Amino acid sequence: MSSEQALKSTTGAGAVLIIQNQVLLVQMNYGPFKGHWILPGGMVESGEHPHDTAIREFKEETGLEVNIKNLIGVRYRLNQTNDANTYWIFNCELMNNKETKDIELTWDPIEIIESKFWPINKTLQDPFVREMTKIYIKKALETKTPIKQYSLSKDHPQNDSLWLCE
């Protein structure tokens, strides 16, 4: 295979946070879908696992610190240019239990117009909430057999991150 035939691929991750029948979304301030609402998330940085990306991006885009509960799913996209993107979607929870009215959100206005909690039923019907976001939220609500991180022994020779169904 020549280098021209090699697949060019990127990886990203995001997370769903649901508190009191409300979901946290961010409004995009870039690209063709500027003004649309999505889950907090972004691209994996060098040396980072996807679940760490979801935690970092969540903090960058909302100001909140979260823990990953489980993996909801993985989306693989083959673009028109035949480049690929793999996107990991996690279920998360706040590191400290608060009600949505007590949470102060912060974000970078270059990337995000606004971060806010939405009632789930409104989210699932709003035309400015991206279709994939709606699917991820529905799956977060109905996940029966969660995919959780499996702990490898400390003497495992690789920097692997393993996620398995319970």
Foldseek 3Di string as FASTA:
>chain_A
DDPVPDAAEWEKEAEWEDDPQWTKWFAWCDDPLHRFIATQMDTADPPGDRQVRHQVSCCAAWVFGKDFDFWLDKDWDQDPVRHIYIYTYTYIYGPDDDHQVPDHTDYDVNTTVDMHIDRLVCLLPDPRHDPVRNVSVVSSVPVDFGWHWDDDDPPPPDPDTDTGTD
